[in-house]
Protein backbone atom coordinates (compact mmCIF):
# COMPACT_ATOMS: atom_id res chain seq x y z
CA MET A 1 -20.95 -17.31 -55.64
CA HIS A 2 -22.86 -19.48 -53.21
CA LEU A 3 -21.91 -17.03 -50.42
CA LEU A 4 -24.07 -14.37 -52.05
CA ASN A 5 -27.08 -16.54 -51.23
CA ASN A 6 -25.97 -17.22 -47.67
CA LYS A 7 -28.25 -15.37 -45.23
CA ASN A 8 -25.63 -15.38 -42.48
CA TYR A 9 -23.04 -13.95 -44.85
CA GLN A 10 -25.41 -11.18 -45.91
CA LEU A 11 -26.24 -10.39 -42.29
CA HIS A 12 -22.53 -10.36 -41.41
CA LYS A 13 -21.81 -7.88 -44.22
CA GLU A 14 -24.74 -5.68 -43.18
CA ASN A 15 -23.54 -5.65 -39.56
CA ILE A 16 -20.07 -4.54 -40.60
CA GLU A 17 -21.43 -1.89 -42.98
CA THR A 18 -23.79 -0.58 -40.29
CA PHE A 19 -20.99 -0.40 -37.73
CA SER A 20 -18.71 1.33 -40.24
CA GLN A 21 -21.43 3.89 -40.93
CA ASP A 22 -21.89 4.45 -37.17
CA ILE A 23 -18.17 5.19 -36.93
CA GLU A 24 -18.42 7.70 -39.80
CA ASP A 25 -21.45 9.37 -38.16
CA ALA A 26 -19.65 9.66 -34.81
CA PHE A 27 -16.59 11.04 -36.60
CA GLU A 28 -18.69 13.72 -38.32
CA ILE A 29 -20.28 14.75 -35.01
CA GLY A 30 -16.78 14.93 -33.50
CA LYS A 31 -15.59 17.19 -36.32
CA SER A 32 -18.61 19.46 -35.85
CA LEU A 33 -17.96 19.61 -32.12
CA ASP A 34 -14.30 20.48 -32.72
CA LEU A 35 -15.31 23.32 -35.06
CA GLU A 36 -17.88 24.57 -32.56
CA ILE A 37 -15.34 24.58 -29.71
CA ASN A 38 -12.93 26.66 -31.82
CA SER A 39 -15.62 29.08 -33.03
CA THR A 40 -16.28 32.43 -31.38
CA GLU A 41 -19.97 31.76 -30.75
CA GLY A 42 -20.08 28.12 -29.65
CA GLU A 43 -23.86 28.20 -29.39
CA HIS A 44 -24.34 24.48 -30.07
CA GLU A 45 -21.31 23.13 -28.21
CA LYS A 46 -23.31 21.60 -25.36
CA VAL A 47 -25.79 19.89 -27.69
CA LEU A 48 -23.02 18.51 -29.92
CA HIS A 49 -21.07 17.35 -26.88
CA MET A 50 -24.07 15.33 -25.66
CA ARG A 51 -24.63 13.90 -29.16
CA TYR A 52 -20.98 12.92 -29.43
CA LEU A 53 -20.98 11.15 -26.07
CA LYS A 54 -24.19 9.34 -27.01
CA ALA A 55 -22.66 8.24 -30.34
CA LEU A 56 -19.51 6.94 -28.58
CA ARG A 57 -21.57 4.99 -26.05
CA SER A 58 -23.63 3.54 -28.89
CA LEU A 59 -20.45 2.54 -30.75
CA GLN A 60 -19.13 0.80 -27.65
CA SER A 61 -22.36 -1.15 -27.25
CA ASN A 62 -22.59 -1.96 -30.97
CA ARG A 63 -19.02 -3.18 -31.12
CA LYS A 64 -19.66 -5.48 -28.18
CA ASN A 65 -22.72 -6.92 -29.95
CA LEU A 66 -20.84 -7.17 -33.25
CA LYS A 67 -18.04 -9.15 -31.59
CA LYS A 68 -20.55 -11.46 -29.94
CA THR A 69 -22.28 -12.10 -33.27
CA TYR A 70 -18.94 -12.50 -35.06
CA TYR A 71 -17.68 -15.15 -32.64
CA LYS A 72 -20.99 -16.96 -32.90
CA GLU A 73 -20.69 -16.98 -36.71
CA VAL A 74 -17.08 -18.25 -36.58
CA LEU A 75 -18.03 -21.16 -34.35
CA ALA A 76 -21.11 -21.92 -36.46
CA SER A 77 -19.03 -22.00 -39.65
CA ILE A 78 -16.66 -24.51 -38.00
CA HIS A 79 -19.59 -26.63 -36.81
CA THR A 80 -21.22 -26.65 -40.27
CA LYS A 81 -17.82 -26.93 -42.03
CA ASN A 82 -18.63 -23.84 -44.10
CA ASN A 83 -14.97 -23.23 -44.91
CA SER A 84 -15.47 -20.46 -47.50
CA TYR A 85 -17.58 -18.47 -45.06
CA LEU A 86 -14.98 -19.01 -42.31
CA LEU A 87 -12.25 -17.53 -44.53
CA VAL A 88 -14.46 -14.51 -45.31
CA LEU A 89 -15.04 -13.97 -41.60
CA ILE A 90 -11.31 -14.12 -40.88
CA GLU A 91 -10.45 -11.76 -43.72
CA ASP A 92 -13.14 -9.23 -42.75
CA ALA A 93 -12.35 -9.01 -39.04
CA GLN A 94 -9.01 -10.63 -38.19
CA SER A 95 -8.33 -8.01 -35.50
CA ILE A 96 -11.52 -9.05 -33.66
CA LEU A 97 -10.55 -12.72 -33.92
CA ASN A 98 -7.13 -11.88 -32.40
CA GLU A 99 -8.89 -10.46 -29.34
CA ASN A 100 -10.22 -13.91 -28.42
CA SER A 101 -7.35 -16.39 -28.17
CA LYS A 102 -9.68 -19.25 -27.22
CA ILE A 103 -11.73 -18.99 -30.45
CA LYS A 104 -8.62 -18.23 -32.48
CA ASN A 105 -7.08 -21.49 -31.24
CA GLN A 106 -10.29 -23.35 -32.17
CA VAL A 107 -10.06 -21.96 -35.70
CA LEU A 108 -6.44 -23.08 -36.04
CA ALA A 109 -7.14 -26.50 -34.58
CA TYR A 110 -10.01 -26.99 -37.07
CA ALA A 111 -7.92 -25.65 -39.98
CA LYS A 112 -5.30 -28.37 -39.39
CA THR A 113 -7.93 -30.99 -40.33
CA VAL A 114 -8.94 -29.32 -43.62
CA LYS A 115 -6.40 -29.24 -46.44
CA MET A 116 -8.05 -26.24 -48.13
CA LEU A 117 -7.75 -24.18 -44.97
CA LYS A 118 -4.33 -25.43 -43.94
CA GLU A 119 -2.83 -24.15 -47.19
CA ASP A 120 -4.67 -20.82 -47.19
CA PRO A 121 -2.42 -17.73 -46.69
CA LEU A 122 -4.83 -16.27 -44.08
CA ILE A 123 -4.59 -19.37 -41.92
CA LYS A 124 -0.82 -19.52 -42.35
CA ASP A 125 -0.57 -15.91 -41.17
CA LEU A 126 -2.75 -16.69 -38.16
CA GLN A 127 -0.61 -19.72 -37.30
CA ALA A 128 2.61 -17.72 -37.61
CA GLU A 129 1.18 -14.99 -35.35
CA LYS A 130 0.16 -17.58 -32.77
CA GLU A 131 3.60 -19.19 -32.74
CA LEU A 132 5.22 -15.78 -32.33
CA ASP A 133 2.78 -14.88 -29.55
CA ASP A 134 3.45 -18.20 -27.79
CA ARG A 135 7.23 -17.73 -27.94
CA SER A 136 6.90 -14.14 -26.75
CA TYR A 137 4.65 -15.18 -23.86
CA VAL A 138 7.04 -17.93 -22.74
CA PHE A 139 10.00 -15.55 -22.94
CA MET A 140 8.20 -12.73 -21.10
CA GLN A 141 6.89 -15.12 -18.43
CA LYS A 142 10.41 -16.47 -17.89
CA MET A 143 11.78 -12.95 -17.55
CA LYS A 144 8.96 -11.99 -15.19
CA ASP A 145 9.46 -15.08 -13.03
CA GLU A 146 13.20 -14.56 -12.82
CA TYR A 147 12.78 -10.89 -11.95
CA GLU A 148 10.21 -11.53 -9.25
CA ALA A 149 12.18 -14.43 -7.80
CA TYR A 150 15.25 -12.25 -7.33
CA GLN A 151 13.65 -8.93 -6.51
CA GLU A 152 13.82 -9.58 -2.77
CA VAL A 153 17.45 -10.62 -3.10
CA VAL A 154 18.13 -7.28 -4.76
CA HIS A 155 16.15 -5.63 -1.99
CA LYS A 156 18.67 -7.03 0.47
CA GLU A 157 21.34 -4.74 -0.96
CA GLN A 158 18.90 -1.81 -0.81
CA ALA A 159 17.97 -2.72 2.77
CA LEU A 160 21.62 -2.87 3.81
CA LYS A 161 22.26 0.54 2.23
CA LEU A 162 19.24 1.90 4.10
CA ARG A 163 20.52 0.32 7.30
CA GLN A 164 23.90 2.02 6.89
CA LEU A 165 22.15 5.35 6.31
CA LEU A 166 19.87 4.98 9.34
CA VAL A 167 22.69 3.86 11.62
CA ALA A 168 24.90 6.75 10.43
CA LYS A 169 22.11 9.21 11.21
CA LYS A 170 21.21 7.38 14.44
CA LYS A 171 17.67 6.77 13.28
CA GLY A 172 15.55 3.72 14.00
CA GLY A 173 13.70 1.58 11.50
CA VAL A 174 12.51 -1.94 10.73
CA ILE A 175 14.05 -3.53 7.63
CA VAL A 176 13.06 -6.73 5.82
CA TYR A 177 15.16 -8.40 3.16
CA ALA A 178 15.55 -11.82 1.58
CA GLN A 179 18.39 -13.84 0.19
CA GLU A 180 18.59 -16.99 -1.88
CA ASN A 181 19.93 -20.18 -0.37
CA LYS A 182 20.12 -23.22 -2.68
CA GLY A 183 17.03 -22.10 -4.60
CA ASP A 184 15.03 -21.28 -1.46
CA ILE A 185 14.34 -17.74 -0.25
CA GLU A 186 15.15 -16.83 3.36
CA PHE A 187 13.59 -13.76 4.93
CA TYR A 188 15.27 -11.65 7.60
CA ILE A 189 13.88 -8.80 9.69
CA GLU A 190 16.09 -6.34 11.55
CA ASN A 191 14.94 -3.88 14.18
CA LEU A 192 17.21 -0.82 14.38
CA PHE A 193 15.28 0.75 17.25
CA GLU A 194 16.34 0.67 20.90
CA MET A 195 12.78 -0.46 21.74
CA HIS A 196 10.57 -3.47 21.07
CA VAL A 197 8.57 -3.43 17.83
CA SER A 198 5.63 -5.57 16.67
CA ALA A 199 5.68 -6.52 13.00
CA SER A 200 3.67 -8.42 10.35
CA LEU A 201 5.43 -9.78 7.26
CA PHE A 202 3.08 -10.29 4.29
CA ILE A 203 4.11 -12.60 1.45
CA GLN A 204 1.60 -12.92 -1.38
CA ASN A 205 1.18 -14.07 -4.99
CA ILE A 206 3.46 -17.04 -4.29
CA LYS A 207 4.25 -19.26 -7.29
CA GLY A 208 6.89 -21.98 -7.37
CA TYR A 209 7.46 -21.77 -3.59
CA GLU A 210 5.78 -22.91 -0.41
CA THR A 211 6.24 -22.14 3.27
CA ARG A 212 5.49 -24.08 6.44
CA SER A 213 4.97 -20.82 8.35
CA LYS A 214 1.59 -19.21 8.88
CA LEU A 215 1.14 -16.04 6.84
CA PRO A 216 1.19 -13.17 7.51
CA TYR A 217 4.14 -13.86 9.80
CA LYS A 218 3.70 -11.91 13.04
CA LEU A 219 6.41 -11.34 15.61
CA VAL A 220 7.84 -9.07 18.29
CA LEU A 221 11.48 -8.00 17.92
CA GLY A 222 13.60 -6.77 20.80
CA ALA A 223 15.86 -3.74 20.65
CA LYS A 224 18.48 -4.02 17.86
CA GLU A 225 17.37 -7.60 17.15
CA LYS A 226 17.92 -9.26 13.77
CA ARG A 227 16.16 -12.53 13.07
CA LYS A 228 15.67 -15.04 10.26
CA VAL A 229 11.90 -15.34 10.27
CA LEU A 230 10.85 -17.81 7.56
CA ARG A 231 11.86 -19.69 4.44
CA LEU A 232 10.15 -20.07 1.08
CA HIS A 233 10.94 -23.56 -0.18
CA ASN A 234 11.45 -23.93 -3.92
CA THR A 235 8.93 -26.55 -5.10
CA THR A 236 10.32 -26.80 -8.64
CA LYS A 237 13.96 -27.50 -7.64
CA LYS A 238 14.94 -25.07 -10.37
CA LYS A 239 16.67 -21.80 -9.58
CA GLY A 240 14.74 -18.60 -10.22
CA VAL A 241 11.51 -19.93 -11.74
CA GLY A 242 8.95 -18.79 -9.18
CA HIS A 243 7.81 -15.42 -7.90
CA PHE A 244 6.19 -13.70 -4.92
CA SER A 245 5.56 -10.23 -3.53
CA SER A 246 6.09 -9.03 0.04
CA HIS A 247 5.80 -6.07 2.38
CA ILE A 248 6.12 -5.43 6.11
CA SER A 249 3.91 -3.54 8.55
CA TRP A 250 5.19 -2.61 12.02
CA VAL A 251 4.56 -0.36 15.04
CA LYS A 252 6.65 0.77 17.97
CA GLY A 253 6.07 -1.23 21.12
CA SER A 254 5.44 -4.84 22.08
CA VAL A 255 2.10 -6.54 21.67
CA ASP A 256 3.22 -8.73 24.59
CA ALA A 257 3.34 -5.74 26.95
CA ILE A 258 1.13 -6.22 30.01
CA GLU A 259 0.69 -2.80 31.54
CA ASN A 260 0.85 -2.30 35.30
CA LYS A 261 -2.58 -0.73 35.82
CA ASP A 262 -1.78 0.16 39.44
CA PHE A 263 1.35 2.15 38.65
CA LEU A 264 1.21 5.81 39.68
CA TYR A 265 2.89 8.17 37.21
CA ALA A 266 4.53 11.38 38.38
CA LEU A 267 3.37 14.61 36.76
CA PRO A 268 6.06 15.43 34.14
CA PHE A 269 6.82 18.86 35.65
CA HIS A 270 7.60 20.58 38.94
CA ASN A 271 5.23 22.94 40.73
CA SER A 272 1.97 23.37 38.73
CA GLN A 273 0.69 23.36 35.14
CA ARG A 274 -2.71 23.71 33.47
CA VAL A 275 -4.29 20.97 31.33
CA SER A 276 -5.08 22.32 27.85
CA GLN A 277 -6.54 19.02 26.56
CA GLY A 278 -7.43 15.97 28.62
CA PHE A 279 -8.49 12.40 27.84
CA ASN A 280 -10.92 12.20 24.92
CA GLY A 281 -10.14 15.82 24.03
CA LYS A 282 -12.01 17.54 21.22
CA THR A 283 -8.95 18.49 19.14
CA SER A 284 -6.84 15.38 18.71
CA HIS A 285 -7.22 12.98 21.62
CA LYS A 286 -9.54 10.55 19.91
CA GLY A 287 -9.52 6.87 18.98
CA ASN A 288 -6.15 5.24 19.64
CA ALA A 289 -4.87 8.49 21.23
CA LYS A 290 -7.80 9.08 23.58
CA TYR A 291 -5.75 8.71 26.79
CA ALA A 292 -3.22 11.43 25.94
CA VAL A 293 -2.99 14.62 28.00
CA ASP A 294 -1.64 18.07 27.06
CA PHE A 295 -0.09 20.37 29.64
CA ALA A 296 0.15 24.06 28.65
CA MET A 297 3.83 24.90 29.21
CA ASP A 298 5.96 27.87 28.22
CA ILE A 299 8.82 27.06 25.87
CA GLY A 300 11.86 25.99 27.90
CA THR A 301 9.93 24.55 30.87
CA PRO A 302 11.82 21.55 32.37
CA VAL A 303 10.19 18.17 31.61
CA TYR A 304 10.74 15.25 33.98
CA ALA A 305 10.31 11.49 33.52
CA ALA A 306 6.82 10.45 34.62
CA ARG A 307 8.15 6.92 34.98
CA GLY A 308 11.59 5.36 34.87
CA GLY A 309 12.94 3.30 31.98
CA LYS A 310 15.23 3.38 28.95
CA VAL A 311 15.40 6.24 26.44
CA VAL A 312 14.60 4.37 23.21
CA GLU A 313 14.02 7.21 20.73
CA LEU A 314 14.98 10.87 20.66
CA VAL A 315 14.36 13.58 18.06
CA GLN A 316 15.35 17.20 18.75
CA ARG A 317 16.33 18.84 15.42
CA HIS A 318 13.04 20.50 14.41
CA THR A 319 11.79 24.08 14.78
CA GLN A 320 8.56 24.19 12.73
CA HIS A 321 5.01 24.08 14.07
CA GLY A 322 1.42 24.64 12.94
CA MET A 323 -1.98 22.98 12.83
CA ASP A 324 -1.71 21.48 9.34
CA LEU A 325 -1.48 17.66 9.43
CA SER A 326 1.84 17.84 7.58
CA MET A 327 3.35 19.43 10.71
CA ARG A 328 3.27 16.09 12.55
CA GLN A 329 6.64 15.14 11.08
CA TYR A 330 8.30 18.16 12.70
CA ALA A 331 7.65 17.28 16.34
CA ASN A 332 10.62 16.85 18.66
CA TYR A 333 10.06 14.05 21.12
CA ILE A 334 11.48 11.50 23.55
CA ILE A 335 10.18 7.96 24.03
CA ILE A 336 10.97 5.96 27.17
CA GLU A 337 10.34 2.20 27.35
CA HIS A 338 9.17 1.12 30.81
CA SER A 339 9.82 -2.16 32.61
CA ASP A 340 6.45 -3.57 31.46
CA LYS A 341 7.35 -2.74 27.81
CA THR A 342 4.87 0.14 27.59
CA LEU A 343 6.12 3.37 26.03
CA GLY A 344 5.99 6.85 27.58
CA ARG A 345 5.93 9.50 24.85
CA TYR A 346 6.83 13.16 25.43
CA PHE A 347 6.07 15.36 22.39
CA HIS A 348 6.53 18.95 21.06
CA LEU A 349 9.85 19.48 22.85
CA LYS A 350 12.22 22.38 22.25
CA GLN A 351 14.86 22.13 19.52
CA ASN A 352 18.05 20.66 21.05
CA GLY A 353 16.20 20.55 24.34
CA ALA A 354 16.96 16.92 25.25
CA LYS A 355 18.82 16.42 28.53
CA VAL A 356 19.35 12.69 27.99
CA LYS A 357 20.93 10.51 25.29
CA LEU A 358 19.64 7.52 23.35
CA ALA A 359 19.82 4.30 25.42
CA ASP A 360 20.18 6.22 28.72
CA LYS A 361 18.49 4.70 31.77
CA VAL A 362 16.38 7.22 33.67
CA LYS A 363 14.51 7.15 36.96
CA GLN A 364 11.10 8.62 37.71
CA GLY A 365 11.54 12.36 38.28
CA ASP A 366 14.79 12.71 36.30
CA LEU A 367 15.11 15.79 34.07
CA ILE A 368 14.82 14.61 30.44
CA ALA A 369 14.08 17.68 28.28
CA LEU A 370 12.78 21.23 27.87
CA SER A 371 9.25 21.77 26.58
CA GLY A 372 8.69 23.54 23.28
CA ASN A 373 6.31 24.23 20.43
CA THR A 374 7.25 21.90 17.54
CA GLY A 375 5.16 19.70 15.25
CA ARG A 376 1.37 19.90 14.98
CA THR A 377 0.48 22.38 17.69
CA SER A 378 -1.67 25.44 18.23
CA GLY A 379 0.64 26.68 20.97
CA ALA A 380 3.42 25.69 23.34
CA HIS A 381 2.58 22.57 25.39
CA LEU A 382 3.74 19.09 26.39
CA HIS A 383 1.83 16.13 24.96
CA PHE A 384 2.21 13.04 27.15
CA VAL A 385 0.81 9.59 26.47
CA VAL A 386 1.58 5.96 27.35
CA THR A 387 1.13 3.37 24.59
CA LYS A 388 1.48 -0.28 23.70
CA ALA A 389 1.00 -2.33 20.52
CA GLN A 390 -2.30 -4.10 19.90
CA SER A 391 -3.20 -6.73 17.33
CA VAL A 392 -5.87 -5.58 14.86
CA GLY A 393 -6.61 -8.25 12.25
CA ASN A 394 -3.37 -9.17 10.51
CA GLU A 395 -1.52 -6.02 11.62
CA TYR A 396 -0.62 -4.11 14.76
CA LYS A 397 -1.70 -0.67 15.89
CA SER A 398 -0.39 1.60 18.63
CA ILE A 399 -3.01 2.37 21.30
CA SER A 400 -2.96 4.71 24.27
CA LEU A 401 -3.48 3.40 27.81
CA PRO A 402 -5.39 4.91 30.75
CA ILE A 403 -2.94 6.03 33.43
CA LYS A 404 -3.06 7.55 36.92
CA PHE A 405 -0.90 10.43 38.19
CA VAL A 406 0.10 11.19 41.75
CA CYS A 407 -0.27 14.89 42.60
CA SER A 408 -0.68 17.20 45.60
CA ASN A 409 -4.39 16.32 45.91
CA GLY A 410 -3.82 12.55 45.80
CA VAL A 411 -4.38 10.28 42.79
CA LEU A 412 -5.42 11.92 39.52
CA GLU A 413 -7.26 9.44 37.28
CA GLU A 414 -8.63 11.81 34.63
CA PRO A 415 -7.02 15.19 33.96
CA ILE A 416 -9.69 17.81 33.22
CA ARG A 417 -9.24 20.54 30.61
CA GLY A 418 -8.71 23.96 32.21
CA GLU A 419 -7.76 22.55 35.61
CA THR A 420 -4.34 23.20 37.16
CA TYR A 421 -2.52 20.37 38.92
CA CYS A 422 0.39 20.51 41.33
CA THR A 423 3.18 18.05 41.98
CA LYS A 424 3.25 16.21 45.27
CA GLU A 425 6.33 18.07 46.57
């Protein structure tokens, strides 16, 4: 009976009753809104909608305040050893108590010191729930740790399957996988391209492992190179108890490439062609692609190597074209790696128009393909650009390089849109 004279108890009851009434009021507004939506007139739908949203926001705020007051009362009842009031609080709002494990643990720790509480069914239920939660957490954490520890090992099998697929289809790619070795995790990266690539391996959220390598791990891989790049050392000496996450970022080309700025490129055609877009062109030659040049060419026009090197990538199966960004994936192209590790890229070629094979060595002026109209284009043309990899923060980006052509009028340093240029011969 003494609780009936307890001001805090009375206030606690009033708070719960008020909140319960707020819920009922919001529910009634919601029912009215539902009826209004389904009526033929719906004259008050907007007003009811605003009232309903306001009631829900108020409920959210009131519940937050109620929880704050409730936790304060629970702690105060422990401090003052008001055990009867503590049991009332638990009985009235056990779900709210379960939302705060820290305070719940304080209640259980205090209850162990009071015989009356220790034997109470409410406290016993709370203790049983906590023990179940603790066992569940330990089990789930163990499962999570084991899964994350082995996920990269599993990814090795997926990576090898992908490798087989890419090799069968003669496609390039950069694959990362990991395998376990005496509890440690070893990472491997394989470059399936015929060219150099620059890559960054990110390993994050590491628990139970450590590495002596700087992260992210950055490297340049040669053509067809496979390399063991780093090792995560198991700090617990127990198999499969840690976890980590990883991903790789890479671009075509070597960040170590030092371009020969004095090299004179041949125009990639014979006779004469008009420039439809020059350096820093309005349509697409911006940012990292600002030093690209487009030559307006009829479909089937012979394309010649502007500089000698090795054919490191070749795509010639596509026919589609258009100006939508999705059309980029349908461009036919040839990439030639030069002696200074820069890449010459010839885009929008004709389907099955390649006159060279992957890994062929070509000299400047050799016939390599027929021009076309594939990929993201507004018309038939040849897109030519020379690139290299550049470090940007923790990753690499591909950037275009300023180049000079030799033509009938001498050295051409900046092709101008609308101008026609002739080969030296």
